[in-house]
Amino acid sequence: MAPKPAFILQDQIESLPNSELGRQRRCVLALAAYGARDDEIGAAVGLDPEALVERHAEDLTRGRSMLGVNIRLELLRAAMGDGRPWSLSAAIYALRHFLSTPSAPRGRRG
């Protein structure tokens, strides 16, 4: 069984150094991974949005990509059931968007 999304984020956060900058990077990474906007993240760490992007662009990008991965994992889990009732809507979405070939038309009914 694949690891739960929280463990993926937890591993990334625990790998950062235990310093003031490391704590700031942890906060940026976690908030970006949960979908917070730049102004919200900047307010939490005491930086304006421009300075935040300048100093922590890599952490913002990594957090937002983890958000996308975690959303896809949850949709696939809902589609397959994974110990809970499965969702037909999630299964249809997963089949159309994740498991189809890139050249296949998406969302069109003939």
C-alpha atoms as a PDB file:
ATOM      1  CA  MET A   1       0.000   0.000   0.000  1.00  0.00           C
ATOM      2  CA  ALA A   2       1.284   3.500  -0.848  1.00  0.00           C
ATOM      3  CA  PRO A   3       2.174   5.845   2.023  1.00  0.00           C
ATOM      4  CA  LYS A   4      -0.440   8.308   3.153  1.00  0.00           C
ATOM      5  CA  PRO A   5       0.016  11.855   1.791  1.00  0.00           C
ATOM      6  CA  ALA A   6       0.782  13.264   5.254  1.00  0.00           C
ATOM      7  CA  PHE A   7       3.860  11.036   5.482  1.00  0.00           C
ATOM      8  CA  ILE A   8       5.176  12.356   2.181  1.00  0.00           C
ATOM      9  CA  LEU A   9       4.962  15.921   3.487  1.00  0.00           C
ATOM     10  CA  GLN A  10       6.304  14.895   6.883  1.00  0.00           C
ATOM     11  CA  ASP A  11       9.390  13.321   5.295  1.00  0.00           C
ATOM     12  CA  GLN A  12      10.078  16.493   3.308  1.00  0.00           C
ATOM     13  CA  ILE A  13       9.662  18.699   6.369  1.00  0.00           C
ATOM     14  CA  GLU A  14      11.820  16.516   8.625  1.00  0.00           C
ATOM     15  CA  SER A  15      14.674  16.621   6.101  1.00  0.00           C
ATOM     16  CA  LEU A  16      15.085  20.406   6.529  1.00  0.00           C
ATOM     17  CA  PRO A  17      17.749  21.722   8.943  1.00  0.00           C
ATOM     18  CA  ASN A  18      16.882  22.594  12.541  1.00  0.00           C
ATOM     19  CA  SER A  19      17.709  26.299  12.403  1.00  0.00           C
ATOM     20  CA  GLU A  20      15.719  29.515  12.152  1.00  0.00           C
ATOM     21  CA  LEU A  21      15.861  29.363   8.345  1.00  0.00           C
ATOM     22  CA  GLY A  22      14.936  25.662   8.463  1.00  0.00           C
ATOM     23  CA  ARG A  23      11.889  26.404  10.605  1.00  0.00           C
ATOM     24  CA  GLN A  24      10.835  29.148   8.178  1.00  0.00           C
ATOM     25  CA  ARG A  25      11.285  26.761   5.239  1.00  0.00           C
ATOM     26  CA  ARG A  26       9.217  24.109   7.061  1.00  0.00           C
ATOM     27  CA  CYS A  27       6.391  26.574   7.509  1.00  0.00           C
ATOM     28  CA  VAL A  28       6.531  27.706   3.869  1.00  0.00           C
ATOM     29  CA  LEU A  29       6.604  24.130   2.587  1.00  0.00           C
ATOM     30  CA  ALA A  30       3.737  22.971   4.795  1.00  0.00           C
ATOM     31  CA  LEU A  31       1.495  25.928   4.028  1.00  0.00           C
ATOM     32  CA  ALA A  32       2.153  25.676   0.277  1.00  0.00           C
ATOM     33  CA  ALA A  33       1.392  21.945   0.404  1.00  0.00           C
ATOM     34  CA  TYR A  34      -1.975  22.705   1.978  1.00  0.00           C
ATOM     35  CA  GLY A  35      -2.894  25.311  -0.637  1.00  0.00           C
ATOM     36  CA  ALA A  36      -2.244  28.616   1.148  1.00  0.00           C
ATOM     37  CA  ARG A  37      -1.731  31.717  -0.995  1.00  0.00           C
ATOM     38  CA  ASP A  38       1.568  33.636  -1.079  1.00  0.00           C
ATOM     39  CA  ASP A  39       0.177  36.505   0.999  1.00  0.00           C
ATOM     40  CA  GLU A  40      -1.063  34.080   3.684  1.00  0.00           C
ATOM     41  CA  ILE A  41       2.275  32.261   3.790  1.00  0.00           C
ATOM     42  CA  GLY A  42       4.150  35.564   3.879  1.00  0.00           C
ATOM     43  CA  ALA A  43       2.046  36.771   6.813  1.00  0.00           C
ATOM     44  CA  ALA A  44       2.767  33.547   8.696  1.00  0.00           C
ATOM     45  CA  VAL A  45       6.545  33.815   8.268  1.00  0.00           C
ATOM     46  CA  GLY A  46       6.800  37.625   8.405  1.00  0.00           C
ATOM     47  CA  LEU A  47       7.721  38.322   4.772  1.00  0.00           C
ATOM     48  CA  ASP A  48       5.987  40.291   2.058  1.00  0.00           C
ATOM     49  CA  PRO A  49       4.931  38.140  -0.947  1.00  0.00           C
ATOM     50  CA  GLU A  50       7.766  39.380  -3.192  1.00  0.00           C
ATOM     51  CA  ALA A  51      10.450  38.593  -0.604  1.00  0.00           C
ATOM     52  CA  LEU A  52       8.780  35.240   0.076  1.00  0.00           C
ATOM     53  CA  VAL A  53       8.959  34.227  -3.586  1.00  0.00           C
ATOM     54  CA  GLU A  54      12.539  35.513  -3.843  1.00  0.00           C
ATOM     55  CA  ARG A  55      13.772  33.577  -0.779  1.00  0.00           C
ATOM     56  CA  HIS A  56      11.596  30.465  -0.866  1.00  0.00           C
ATOM     57  CA  ALA A  57      10.659  29.871  -4.515  1.00  0.00           C
ATOM     58  CA  GLU A  58      11.900  26.263  -4.418  1.00  0.00           C
ATOM     59  CA  ASP A  59       9.946  25.441  -1.252  1.00  0.00           C
ATOM     60  CA  LEU A  60       6.795  27.034  -2.675  1.00  0.00           C
ATOM     61  CA  THR A  61       7.124  25.054  -5.897  1.00  0.00           C
ATOM     62  CA  ARG A  62       7.824  21.799  -4.067  1.00  0.00           C
ATOM     63  CA  GLY A  63       4.900  22.329  -1.675  1.00  0.00           C
ATOM     64  CA  ARG A  64       2.470  23.104  -4.471  1.00  0.00           C
ATOM     65  CA  SER A  65       3.575  20.083  -6.479  1.00  0.00           C
ATOM     66  CA  MET A  66       3.048  17.924  -3.364  1.00  0.00           C
ATOM     67  CA  LEU A  67      -0.463  19.384  -3.093  1.00  0.00           C
ATOM     68  CA  GLY A  68      -1.214  18.231  -6.640  1.00  0.00           C
ATOM     69  CA  VAL A  69       0.193  14.768  -5.965  1.00  0.00           C
ATOM     70  CA  ASN A  70      -1.793  14.420  -2.745  1.00  0.00           C
ATOM     71  CA  ILE A  71      -5.019  15.443  -4.492  1.00  0.00           C
ATOM     72  CA  ARG A  72      -4.417  12.837  -7.201  1.00  0.00           C
ATOM     73  CA  LEU A  73      -3.651  10.167  -4.575  1.00  0.00           C
ATOM     74  CA  GLU A  74      -6.880  10.908  -2.734  1.00  0.00           C
ATOM     75  CA  LEU A  75      -8.886  10.778  -5.967  1.00  0.00           C
ATOM     76  CA  LEU A  76      -7.347   7.414  -6.859  1.00  0.00           C
ATOM     77  CA  ARG A  77      -8.026   6.092  -3.347  1.00  0.00           C
ATOM     78  CA  ALA A  78     -11.645   7.212  -3.606  1.00  0.00           C
ATOM     79  CA  ALA A  79     -11.887   5.596  -7.047  1.00  0.00           C
ATOM     80  CA  MET A  80     -10.540   2.247  -5.798  1.00  0.00           C
ATOM     81  CA  GLY A  81     -12.187   2.224  -2.396  1.00  0.00           C
ATOM     82  CA  ASP A  82      -9.035   1.574  -0.324  1.00  0.00           C
ATOM     83  CA  GLY A  83     -10.905   0.369   2.756  1.00  0.00           C
ATOM     84  CA  ARG A  84     -13.890   2.656   2.319  1.00  0.00           C
ATOM     85  CA  PRO A  85     -16.831   2.869  -0.098  1.00  0.00           C
ATOM     86  CA  TRP A  86     -15.596   3.679  -3.582  1.00  0.00           C
ATOM     87  CA  SER A  87     -16.783   6.662  -5.566  1.00  0.00           C
ATOM     88  CA  LEU A  88     -18.051   6.274  -9.118  1.00  0.00           C
ATOM     89  CA  SER A  89     -17.388   9.961  -9.852  1.00  0.00           C
ATOM     90  CA  ALA A  90     -13.782   9.665  -8.664  1.00  0.00           C
ATOM     91  CA  ALA A  91     -13.323   6.487 -10.718  1.00  0.00           C
ATOM     92  CA  ILE A  92     -14.599   8.170 -13.890  1.00  0.00           C
ATOM     93  CA  TYR A  93     -12.411  11.211 -13.280  1.00  0.00           C
ATOM     94  CA  ALA A  94      -9.330   9.054 -12.604  1.00  0.00           C
ATOM     95  CA  LEU A  95      -9.903   6.969 -15.716  1.00  0.00           C
ATOM     96  CA  ARG A  96     -10.354  10.008 -17.923  1.00  0.00           C
ATOM     97  CA  HIS A  97      -7.568  12.187 -16.534  1.00  0.00           C
ATOM     98  CA  PHE A  98      -4.894   9.962 -15.006  1.00  0.00           C
ATOM     99  CA  LEU A  99      -5.045   6.652 -16.807  1.00  0.00           C
ATOM    100  CA  SER A 100      -5.893   7.673 -20.358  1.00  0.00           C
ATOM    101  CA  THR A 101      -3.308   8.283 -23.043  1.00  0.00           C
ATOM    102  CA  PRO A 102      -2.185  11.901 -23.415  1.00  0.00           C
ATOM    103  CA  SER A 103      -3.570  12.076 -26.957  1.00  0.00           C
ATOM    104  CA  ALA A 104      -7.028  10.813 -25.972  1.00  0.00           C
ATOM    105  CA  PRO A 105      -9.732  13.520 -25.952  1.00  0.00           C
ATOM    106  CA  ARG A 106     -10.852  14.339 -22.414  1.00  0.00           C
ATOM    107  CA  GLY A 107     -14.348  15.084 -21.308  1.00  0.00           C
ATOM    108  CA  ARG A 108     -15.988  14.895 -24.724  1.00  0.00           C
ATOM    109  CA  ARG A 109     -19.074  12.889 -25.397  1.00  0.00           C
ATOM    110  CA  GLY A 110     -19.839  11.895 -28.945  1.00  0.00           C
END
